[in-house]
PDB file of N, CA and C in Angstrom:
ATOM      1  N   MET A   1     103.972 173.056  85.386  1.00  0.00           N
ATOM      2  CA  MET A   1     104.193 171.510  85.223  1.00  0.00           C
ATOM      3  C   MET A   1     103.244 170.640  85.463  1.00  0.00           C
ATOM      4  N   VAL A   2     102.965 169.516  84.590  1.00  0.00           N
ATOM      5  CA  VAL A   2     102.203 168.872  85.122  1.00  0.00           C
ATOM      6  C   VAL A   2     102.648 167.631  85.826  1.00  0.00           C
ATOM      7  N   GLU A   3     101.681 167.344  86.810  1.00  0.00           N
ATOM      8  CA  GLU A   3     101.872 166.369  88.276  1.00  0.00           C
ATOM      9  C   GLU A   3     101.586 165.118  87.668  1.00  0.00           C
ATOM     10  N   ALA A   4     102.257 163.859  87.792  1.00  0.00           N
ATOM     11  CA  ALA A   4     102.218 162.547  87.531  1.00  0.00           C
ATOM     12  C   ALA A   4     100.649 162.396  87.932  1.00  0.00           C
ATOM     13  N   SER A   5     100.251 162.424  89.321  1.00  0.00           N
ATOM     14  CA  SER A   5      98.781 162.614  89.272  1.00  0.00           C
ATOM     15  C   SER A   5      97.550 162.795  88.458  1.00  0.00           C
ATOM     16  N   GLU A   6      98.222 163.512  87.331  1.00  0.00           N
ATOM     17  CA  GLU A   6      96.973 163.916  86.401  1.00  0.00           C
ATOM     18  C   GLU A   6      96.964 163.301  85.341  1.00  0.00           C
ATOM     19  N   ILE A   7      97.769 162.035  85.229  1.00  0.00           N
ATOM     20  CA  ILE A   7      97.841 161.506  83.864  1.00  0.00           C
ATOM     21  C   ILE A   7      97.409 160.091  84.379  1.00  0.00           C
ATOM     22  N   ARG A   8      96.367 159.765  83.392  1.00  0.00           N
ATOM     23  CA  ARG A   8      95.782 158.382  83.713  1.00  0.00           C
ATOM     24  C   ARG A   8      95.961 157.394  82.689  1.00  0.00           C
ATOM     25  N   GLU A   9      96.022 156.116  82.532  1.00  0.00           N
ATOM     26  CA  GLU A   9      96.136 154.704  81.966  1.00  0.00           C
ATOM     27  C   GLU A   9      95.328 155.059  80.666  1.00  0.00           C
ATOM     28  N   HIS A  10      95.862 155.004  79.406  1.00  0.00           N
ATOM     29  CA  HIS A  10      94.914 154.686  78.135  1.00  0.00           C
ATOM     30  C   HIS A  10      94.560 156.378  77.830  1.00  0.00           C
ATOM     31  N   MET A  11      95.450 157.205  78.442  1.00  0.00           N
ATOM     32  CA  MET A  11      95.182 159.037  78.047  1.00  0.00           C
ATOM     33  C   MET A  11      95.788 158.661  77.051  1.00  0.00           C
ATOM     34  N   GLU A  12      95.233 159.441  75.791  1.00  0.00           N
ATOM     35  CA  GLU A  12      95.636 159.893  74.661  1.00  0.00           C
ATOM     36  C   GLU A  12      97.016 161.084  74.730  1.00  0.00           C
ATOM     37  N   VAL A  13      98.026 160.519  74.010  1.00  0.00           N
ATOM     38  CA  VAL A  13      99.144 161.291  73.835  1.00  0.00           C
ATOM     39  C   VAL A  13      99.323 162.394  72.650  1.00  0.00           C
ATOM     40  N   VAL A  14      99.440 163.473  72.396  1.00  0.00           N
ATOM     41  CA  VAL A  14      99.526 163.994  71.648  1.00  0.00           C
ATOM     42  C   VAL A  14     100.522 165.073  71.122  1.00  0.00           C
ATOM     43  N   GLY A  15     101.137 165.404  70.153  1.00  0.00           N
ATOM     44  CA  GLY A  15     101.904 166.115  69.941  1.00  0.00           C
ATOM     45  C   GLY A  15     101.473 167.817  70.197  1.00  0.00           C
ATOM     46  N   ALA A  16     102.551 168.686  70.154  1.00  0.00           N
ATOM     47  CA  ALA A  16     101.957 170.178  70.535  1.00  0.00           C
ATOM     48  C   ALA A  16     101.088 170.607  69.212  1.00  0.00           C
ATOM     49  N   ASP A  17     101.285 169.905  68.324  1.00  0.00           N
ATOM     50  CA  ASP A  17     100.087 170.396  67.080  1.00  0.00           C
ATOM     51  C   ASP A  17      98.691 169.440  67.360  1.00  0.00           C
ATOM     52  N   GLY A  18      98.657 168.619  68.368  1.00  0.00           N
ATOM     53  CA  GLY A  18      97.417 168.071  68.534  1.00  0.00           C
ATOM     54  C   GLY A  18      97.238 166.611  67.609  1.00  0.00           C
ATOM     55  N   VAL A  19      98.358 166.294  67.006  1.00  0.00           N
ATOM     56  CA  VAL A  19      98.375 164.661  66.304  1.00  0.00           C
ATOM     57  C   VAL A  19      98.793 163.565  67.223  1.00  0.00           C
ATOM     58  N   HIS A  20      98.005 162.963  67.363  1.00  0.00           N
ATOM     59  CA  HIS A  20      97.892 161.495  68.002  1.00  0.00           C
ATOM     60  C   HIS A  20      99.422 161.016  67.985  1.00  0.00           C
ATOM     61  N   VAL A  21     100.201 160.591  68.814  1.00  0.00           N
ATOM     62  CA  VAL A  21     101.348 160.077  69.160  1.00  0.00           C
ATOM     63  C   VAL A  21     101.597 158.607  69.595  1.00  0.00           C
ATOM     64  N   GLY A  22     100.390 158.737  71.133  1.00  0.00           N
ATOM     65  CA  GLY A  22     100.423 157.245  71.393  1.00  0.00           C
ATOM     66  C   GLY A  22      99.330 157.610  72.485  1.00  0.00           C
ATOM     67  N   LYS A  23      99.332 156.449  73.427  1.00  0.00           N
ATOM     68  CA  LYS A  23      98.377 156.439  74.748  1.00  0.00           C
ATOM     69  C   LYS A  23      99.552 155.788  75.472  1.00  0.00           C
ATOM     70  N   VAL A  24      99.134 156.221  76.886  1.00  0.00           N
ATOM     71  CA  VAL A  24      99.945 156.289  78.137  1.00  0.00           C
ATOM     72  C   VAL A  24      99.447 154.725  78.561  1.00  0.00           C
ATOM     73  N   ASP A  25     100.555 154.014  79.388  1.00  0.00           N
ATOM     74  CA  ASP A  25     100.358 152.840  79.762  1.00  0.00           C
ATOM     75  C   ASP A  25     100.446 153.033  81.537  1.00  0.00           C
ATOM     76  N   GLY A  26     101.354 153.902  81.814  1.00  0.00           N
ATOM     77  CA  GLY A  26     101.275 154.276  83.174  1.00  0.00           C
ATOM     78  C   GLY A  26     102.107 155.018  83.407  1.00  0.00           C
ATOM     79  N   VAL A  27     102.878 155.901  84.703  1.00  0.00           N
ATOM     80  CA  VAL A  27     103.748 156.712  84.946  1.00  0.00           C
ATOM     81  C   VAL A  27     104.941 155.708  85.956  1.00  0.00           C
ATOM     82  N   GLU A  28     105.821 156.104  85.845  1.00  0.00           N
ATOM     83  CA  GLU A  28     107.186 155.411  86.543  1.00  0.00           C
ATOM     84  C   GLU A  28     107.897 156.263  86.598  1.00  0.00           C
ATOM     85  N   GLY A  29     107.964 156.644  88.221  1.00  0.00           N
ATOM     86  CA  GLY A  29     108.694 158.029  88.500  1.00  0.00           C
ATOM     87  C   GLY A  29     108.612 159.039  87.651  1.00  0.00           C
ATOM     88  N   ASP A  30     109.457 159.576  87.105  1.00  0.00           N
ATOM     89  CA  ASP A  30     109.298 161.016  86.377  1.00  0.00           C
ATOM     90  C   ASP A  30     109.255 160.400  84.798  1.00  0.00           C
ATOM     91  N   ARG A  31     108.591 159.544  84.542  1.00  0.00           N
ATOM     92  CA  ARG A  31     108.877 159.238  83.557  1.00  0.00           C
ATOM     93  C   ARG A  31     107.434 158.552  82.855  1.00  0.00           C
ATOM     94  N   ILE A  32     106.675 158.613  81.773  1.00  0.00           N
ATOM     95  CA  ILE A  32     105.556 158.274  81.239  1.00  0.00           C
ATOM     96  C   ILE A  32     105.871 156.883  80.540  1.00  0.00           C
ATOM     97  N   LYS A  33     105.487 155.847  80.567  1.00  0.00           N
ATOM     98  CA  LYS A  33     105.654 154.423  80.067  1.00  0.00           C
ATOM     99  C   LYS A  33     104.204 154.583  79.069  1.00  0.00           C
ATOM    100  N   MET A  34     104.823 154.669  77.715  1.00  0.00           N
ATOM    101  CA  MET A  34     103.851 154.463  76.784  1.00  0.00           C
ATOM    102  C   MET A  34     103.457 152.959  76.378  1.00  0.00           C
ATOM    103  N   VAL A  35     102.016 152.878  75.888  1.00  0.00           N
ATOM    104  CA  VAL A  35     101.710 151.714  75.623  1.00  0.00           C
ATOM    105  C   VAL A  35     102.282 151.287  74.309  1.00  0.00           C
ATOM    106  N   ARG A  36     103.052 149.658  74.415  1.00  0.00           N
ATOM    107  CA  ARG A  36     103.486 149.200  73.056  1.00  0.00           C
ATOM    108  C   ARG A  36     102.853 148.961  71.869  1.00  0.00           C
ATOM    109  N   LYS A  37     101.652 148.335  72.039  1.00  0.00           N
ATOM    110  CA  LYS A  37     100.502 148.299  71.147  1.00  0.00           C
ATOM    111  C   LYS A  37      99.230 149.263  70.638  1.00  0.00           C
ATOM    112  N   ASP A  38      99.295 150.255  69.873  1.00  0.00           N
ATOM    113  CA  ASP A  38      98.073 150.886  69.759  1.00  0.00           C
ATOM    114  C   ASP A  38      97.520 150.521  68.475  1.00  0.00           C
ATOM    115  N   GLU A  39      96.638 149.635  68.547  1.00  0.00           N
ATOM    116  CA  GLU A  39      96.139 148.915  67.051  1.00  0.00           C
ATOM    117  C   GLU A  39      95.393 150.325  66.099  1.00  0.00           C
ATOM    118  N   GLU A  40      94.609 151.355  67.335  1.00  0.00           N
ATOM    119  CA  GLU A  40      93.704 152.045  66.451  1.00  0.00           C
ATOM    120  C   GLU A  40      94.274 153.053  65.637  1.00  0.00           C
ATOM    121  N   HIS A  41      95.771 153.066  65.995  1.00  0.00           N
ATOM    122  CA  HIS A  41      96.497 154.016  65.162  1.00  0.00           C
ATOM    123  C   HIS A  41      97.778 153.323  64.583  1.00  0.00           C
ATOM    124  N   GLY A  42      97.958 151.997  64.189  1.00  0.00           N
ATOM    125  CA  GLY A  42      98.435 151.313  63.857  1.00  0.00           C
ATOM    126  C   GLY A  42     100.098 151.181  64.196  1.00  0.00           C
ATOM    127  N   GLN A  43     100.067 151.157  65.745  1.00  0.00           N
ATOM    128  CA  GLN A  43     101.269 151.213  66.208  1.00  0.00           C
ATOM    129  C   GLN A  43     101.541 149.957  66.876  1.00  0.00           C
ATOM    130  N   ASP A  44     102.635 149.179  66.550  1.00  0.00           N
ATOM    131  CA  ASP A  44     102.830 148.021  67.386  1.00  0.00           C
ATOM    132  C   ASP A  44     104.710 147.479  67.605  1.00  0.00           C
ATOM    133  N   ASP A  45     105.017 148.410  68.672  1.00  0.00           N
ATOM    134  CA  ASP A  45     106.242 148.436  68.771  1.00  0.00           C
ATOM    135  C   ASP A  45     106.861 147.114  69.199  1.00  0.00           C
ATOM    136  N   LYS A  46     107.869 147.143  69.274  1.00  0.00           N
ATOM    137  CA  LYS A  46     108.675 145.587  69.964  1.00  0.00           C
ATOM    138  C   LYS A  46     108.565 145.940  71.316  1.00  0.00           C
ATOM    139  N   HIS A  47     108.774 146.763  71.989  1.00  0.00           N
ATOM    140  CA  HIS A  47     108.476 147.058  73.770  1.00  0.00           C
ATOM    141  C   HIS A  47     108.084 148.431  73.997  1.00  0.00           C
ATOM    142  N   HIS A  48     107.886 148.838  75.351  1.00  0.00           N
ATOM    143  CA  HIS A  48     107.485 150.063  75.827  1.00  0.00           C
ATOM    144  C   HIS A  48     108.660 151.052  75.398  1.00  0.00           C
ATOM    145  N   HIS A  49     108.027 152.702  74.958  1.00  0.00           N
ATOM    146  CA  HIS A  49     108.795 153.550  75.048  1.00  0.00           C
ATOM    147  C   HIS A  49     108.542 154.342  76.250  1.00  0.00           C
ATOM    148  N   TYR A  50     109.257 155.546  76.724  1.00  0.00           N
ATOM    149  CA  TYR A  50     109.246 156.059  77.935  1.00  0.00           C
ATOM    150  C   TYR A  50     109.281 157.792  77.409  1.00  0.00           C
ATOM    151  N   VAL A  51     108.483 158.571  77.722  1.00  0.00           N
ATOM    152  CA  VAL A  51     108.576 160.088  77.781  1.00  0.00           C
ATOM    153  C   VAL A  51     108.945 160.742  79.131  1.00  0.00           C
ATOM    154  N   GLN A  52     109.816 161.749  79.343  1.00  0.00           N
ATOM    155  CA  GLN A  52     110.026 162.113  80.435  1.00  0.00           C
ATOM    156  C   GLN A  52     108.977 162.919  80.611  1.00  0.00           C
ATOM    157  N   LEU A  53     108.551 163.084  82.431  1.00  0.00           N
ATOM    158  CA  LEU A  53     107.298 163.892  82.318  1.00  0.00           C
ATOM    159  C   LEU A  53     107.567 165.568  82.158  1.00  0.00           C
ATOM    160  N   SER A  54     108.792 165.973  82.255  1.00  0.00           N
ATOM    161  CA  SER A  54     109.094 167.320  81.990  1.00  0.00           C
ATOM    162  C   SER A  54     108.836 167.775  80.378  1.00  0.00           C
ATOM    163  N   ALA A  55     108.494 166.720  79.670  1.00  0.00           N
ATOM    164  CA  ALA A  55     108.131 166.708  77.984  1.00  0.00           C
ATOM    165  C   ALA A  55     106.965 167.157  77.961  1.00  0.00           C
ATOM    166  N   VAL A  56     105.729 167.054  79.171  1.00  0.00           N
ATOM    167  CA  VAL A  56     104.578 167.298  78.840  1.00  0.00           C
ATOM    168  C   VAL A  56     104.141 168.809  79.324  1.00  0.00           C
ATOM    169  N   THR A  57     103.266 169.288  78.388  1.00  0.00           N
ATOM    170  CA  THR A  57     103.099 170.832  78.593  1.00  0.00           C
ATOM    171  C   THR A  57     102.067 170.949  79.534  1.00  0.00           C
ATOM    172  N   SER A  58     100.676 169.870  78.901  1.00  0.00           N
ATOM    173  CA  SER A  58      99.355 169.550  79.774  1.00  0.00           C
ATOM    174  C   SER A  58      98.624 168.564  79.548  1.00  0.00           C
ATOM    175  N   THR A  59      97.752 168.618  80.604  1.00  0.00           N
ATOM    176  CA  THR A  59      96.528 167.522  80.512  1.00  0.00           C
ATOM    177  C   THR A  59      95.337 168.028  79.482  1.00  0.00           C
ATOM    178  N   GLU A  60      95.040 168.953  79.293  1.00  0.00           N
ATOM    179  CA  GLU A  60      93.971 169.821  78.649  1.00  0.00           C
ATOM    180  C   GLU A  60      93.174 168.778  77.789  1.00  0.00           C
ATOM    181  N   GLY A  61      92.124 168.951  77.919  1.00  0.00           N
ATOM    182  CA  GLY A  61      91.109 168.106  77.212  1.00  0.00           C
ATOM    183  C   GLY A  61      91.003 166.521  77.605  1.00  0.00           C
ATOM    184  N   GLY A  62      91.868 166.358  78.649  1.00  0.00           N
ATOM    185  CA  GLY A  62      91.727 164.777  78.652  1.00  0.00           C
ATOM    186  C   GLY A  62      92.940 164.323  78.289  1.00  0.00           C
ATOM    187  N   LYS A  63      93.753 165.057  77.174  1.00  0.00           N
ATOM    188  CA  LYS A  63      95.059 164.148  76.459  1.00  0.00           C
ATOM    189  C   LYS A  63      96.130 165.084  76.967  1.00  0.00           C
ATOM    190  N   LEU A  64      97.244 164.122  77.084  1.00  0.00           N
ATOM    191  CA  LEU A  64      98.747 164.804  77.370  1.00  0.00           C
ATOM    192  C   LEU A  64      99.253 165.305  76.085  1.00  0.00           C
ATOM    193  N   TRP A  65      99.487 166.127  76.113  1.00  0.00           N
ATOM    194  CA  TRP A  65     100.218 167.297  75.398  1.00  0.00           C
ATOM    195  C   TRP A  65     101.810 167.419  75.204  1.00  0.00           C
ATOM    196  N   LEU A  66     102.684 167.075  74.597  1.00  0.00           N
ATOM    197  CA  LEU A  66     103.757 167.021  74.505  1.00  0.00           C
ATOM    198  C   LEU A  66     104.353 168.329  73.857  1.00  0.00           C
ATOM    199  N   SER A  67     105.661 168.560  74.636  1.00  0.00           N
ATOM    200  CA  SER A  67     106.349 169.816  73.995  1.00  0.00           C
ATOM    201  C   SER A  67     106.520 170.069  72.661  1.00  0.00           C
ATOM    202  N   ALA A  68     106.598 168.992  71.691  1.00  0.00           N
ATOM    203  CA  ALA A  68     107.176 168.670  70.482  1.00  0.00           C
ATOM    204  C   ALA A  68     106.003 168.335  69.643  1.00  0.00           C
ATOM    205  N   ASP A  69     105.950 168.687  68.309  1.00  0.00           N
ATOM    206  CA  ASP A  69     105.031 168.620  67.626  1.00  0.00           C
ATOM    207  C   ASP A  69     105.037 167.077  67.180  1.00  0.00           C
ATOM    208  N   ALA A  70     104.067 165.869  66.610  1.00  0.00           N
ATOM    209  CA  ALA A  70     103.932 164.976  66.739  1.00  0.00           C
ATOM    210  C   ALA A  70     104.977 164.403  65.884  1.00  0.00           C
ATOM    211  N   ALA A  71     105.632 165.007  64.421  1.00  0.00           N
ATOM    212  CA  ALA A  71     106.560 164.738  63.766  1.00  0.00           C
ATOM    213  C   ALA A  71     107.842 164.656  64.463  1.00  0.00           C
ATOM    214  N   ASN A  72     108.296 165.423  65.425  1.00  0.00           N
ATOM    215  CA  ASN A  72     109.353 165.609  66.183  1.00  0.00           C
ATOM    216  C   ASN A  72     109.427 164.703  67.305  1.00  0.00           C
ATOM    217  N   ALA A  73     108.045 164.305  67.965  1.00  0.00           N
ATOM    218  CA  ALA A  73     108.047 163.583  68.812  1.00  0.00           C
ATOM    219  C   ALA A  73     108.982 162.538  69.563  1.00  0.00           C
ATOM    220  N   GLY A  74     109.071 161.583  68.394  1.00  0.00           N
ATOM    221  CA  GLY A  74     109.871 160.361  68.378  1.00  0.00           C
ATOM    222  C   GLY A  74     111.379 160.731  69.165  1.00  0.00           C
ATOM    223  N   GLN A  75     111.853 162.121  68.902  1.00  0.00           N
ATOM    224  CA  GLN A  75     113.330 162.541  69.553  1.00  0.00           C
ATOM    225  C   GLN A  75     112.920 162.656  71.043  1.00  0.00           C
ATOM    226  N   LEU A  76     111.558 162.404  71.555  1.00  0.00           N
ATOM    227  CA  LEU A  76     111.493 162.561  72.964  1.00  0.00           C
ATOM    228  C   LEU A  76     111.383 161.401  73.721  1.00  0.00           C
ATOM    229  N   PHE A  77     111.240 160.538  72.777  1.00  0.00           N
ATOM    230  CA  PHE A  77     111.128 158.926  73.700  1.00  0.00           C
ATOM    231  C   PHE A  77     112.241 158.330  73.978  1.00  0.00           C
ATOM    232  N   GLU A  78     112.399 157.736  74.900  1.00  0.00           N
ATOM    233  CA  GLU A  78     113.555 156.660  75.452  1.00  0.00           C
ATOM    234  C   GLU A  78     113.162 155.397  75.800  1.00  0.00           C
ATOM    235  N   GLU A  79     114.432 154.517  75.462  1.00  0.00           N
ATOM    236  CA  GLU A  79     114.025 153.229  76.040  1.00  0.00           C
ATOM    237  C   GLU A  79     114.098 152.914  77.049  1.00  0.00           C
ATOM    238  N   GLU A  80     113.983 151.977  78.040  1.00  0.00           N
ATOM    239  CA  GLU A  80     113.711 151.584  79.392  1.00  0.00           C
ATOM    240  C   GLU A  80     114.884 151.892  80.323  1.00  0.00           C
ATOM    241  N   ASP A  81     115.923 151.705  79.493  1.00  0.00           N
ATOM    242  CA  ASP A  81     117.171 151.937  80.185  1.00  0.00           C
ATOM    243  C   ASP A  81     117.456 153.789  80.108  1.00  0.00           C
ATOM    244  N   GLY A  82     116.754 154.462  79.715  1.00  0.00           N
ATOM    245  CA  GLY A  82     116.800 155.912  79.469  1.00  0.00           C
ATOM    246  C   GLY A  82     117.576 156.177  78.036  1.00  0.00           C
ATOM    247  N   SER A  83     118.172 155.475  77.456  1.00  0.00           N
ATOM    248  CA  SER A  83     118.641 155.809  76.053  1.00  0.00           C
ATOM    249  C   SER A  83     117.834 156.269  75.152  1.00  0.00           C
ATOM    250  N   PRO A  84     117.980 157.097  74.205  1.00  0.00           N
ATOM    251  CA  PRO A  84     117.207 157.754  73.210  1.00  0.00           C
ATOM    252  C   PRO A  84     116.881 156.581  72.258  1.00  0.00           C
ATOM    253  N   VAL A  85     115.414 156.545  71.873  1.00  0.00           N
ATOM    254  CA  VAL A  85     114.903 155.648  70.802  1.00  0.00           C
ATOM    255  C   VAL A  85     115.696 155.684  69.355  1.00  0.00           C
ATOM    256  N   LYS A  86     116.048 154.547  68.989  1.00  0.00           N
ATOM    257  CA  LYS A  86     116.527 154.431  67.426  1.00  0.00           C
ATOM    258  C   LYS A  86     115.490 154.504  66.567  1.00  0.00           C
ATOM    259  N   LEU A  87     114.864 155.585  65.890  1.00  0.00           N
ATOM    260  CA  LEU A  87     113.652 155.705  65.320  1.00  0.00           C
ATOM    261  C   LEU A  87     114.439 154.778  63.911  1.00  0.00           C
ATOM    262  N   GLY A  88     113.115 154.361  63.410  1.00  0.00           N
ATOM    263  CA  GLY A  88     113.195 153.456  62.216  1.00  0.00           C
ATOM    264  C   GLY A  88     113.660 152.047  62.732  1.00  0.00           C
ATOM    265  N   GLU A  89     113.511 151.950  63.971  1.00  0.00           N
ATOM    266  CA  GLU A  89     113.830 150.146  64.449  1.00  0.00           C
ATOM    267  C   GLU A  89     112.259 149.774  64.975  1.00  0.00           C
ATOM    268  N   ASN A  90     111.530 149.964  63.996  1.00  0.00           N
ATOM    269  CA  ASN A  90     109.771 149.310  64.209  1.00  0.00           C
ATOM    270  C   ASN A  90     109.224 150.465  65.397  1.00  0.00           C
ATOM    271  N   ASN A  91     109.528 151.303  64.892  1.00  0.00           N
ATOM    272  CA  ASN A  91     109.269 152.222  65.851  1.00  0.00           C
ATOM    273  C   ASN A  91     107.886 153.350  64.905  1.00  0.00           C
ATOM    274  N   SER A  92     106.735 152.969  65.447  1.00  0.00           N
ATOM    275  CA  SER A  92     105.558 153.639  64.301  1.00  0.00           C
ATOM    276  C   SER A  92     105.290 154.598  64.796  1.00  0.00           C
ATOM    277  N   GLN A  93     105.715 155.789  65.867  1.00  0.00           N
ATOM    278  CA  GLN A  93     105.308 156.765  65.734  1.00  0.00           C
ATOM    279  C   GLN A  93     104.982 157.581  64.773  1.00  0.00           C
ATOM    280  N   ARG A  94     104.320 158.500  64.981  1.00  0.00           N
ATOM    281  CA  ARG A  94     103.508 159.564  64.228  1.00  0.00           C
ATOM    282  C   ARG A  94     103.820 160.988  64.326  1.00  0.00           C
TER     283      ARG A  94
END
């Protein structure tokens, strides 16, 4: 299991397939707060999304690796209140 202390601000987040998903803004408790705006990859959400620390498989190569492929990673994202992100509502995850 990955420890929160291994996660760094602006660390790249990738799916299990190595495809870019976003960047880390910080860690809040047992969740990773994703940056809202990732201009480098065309992401500009209205607000922050979160991923449970338990969905992270490693920090190998200085990247945060998720348990799902990039195409399915959006299913791991949560709103600030813990509810699932409604995909398609200005959520440009890849």
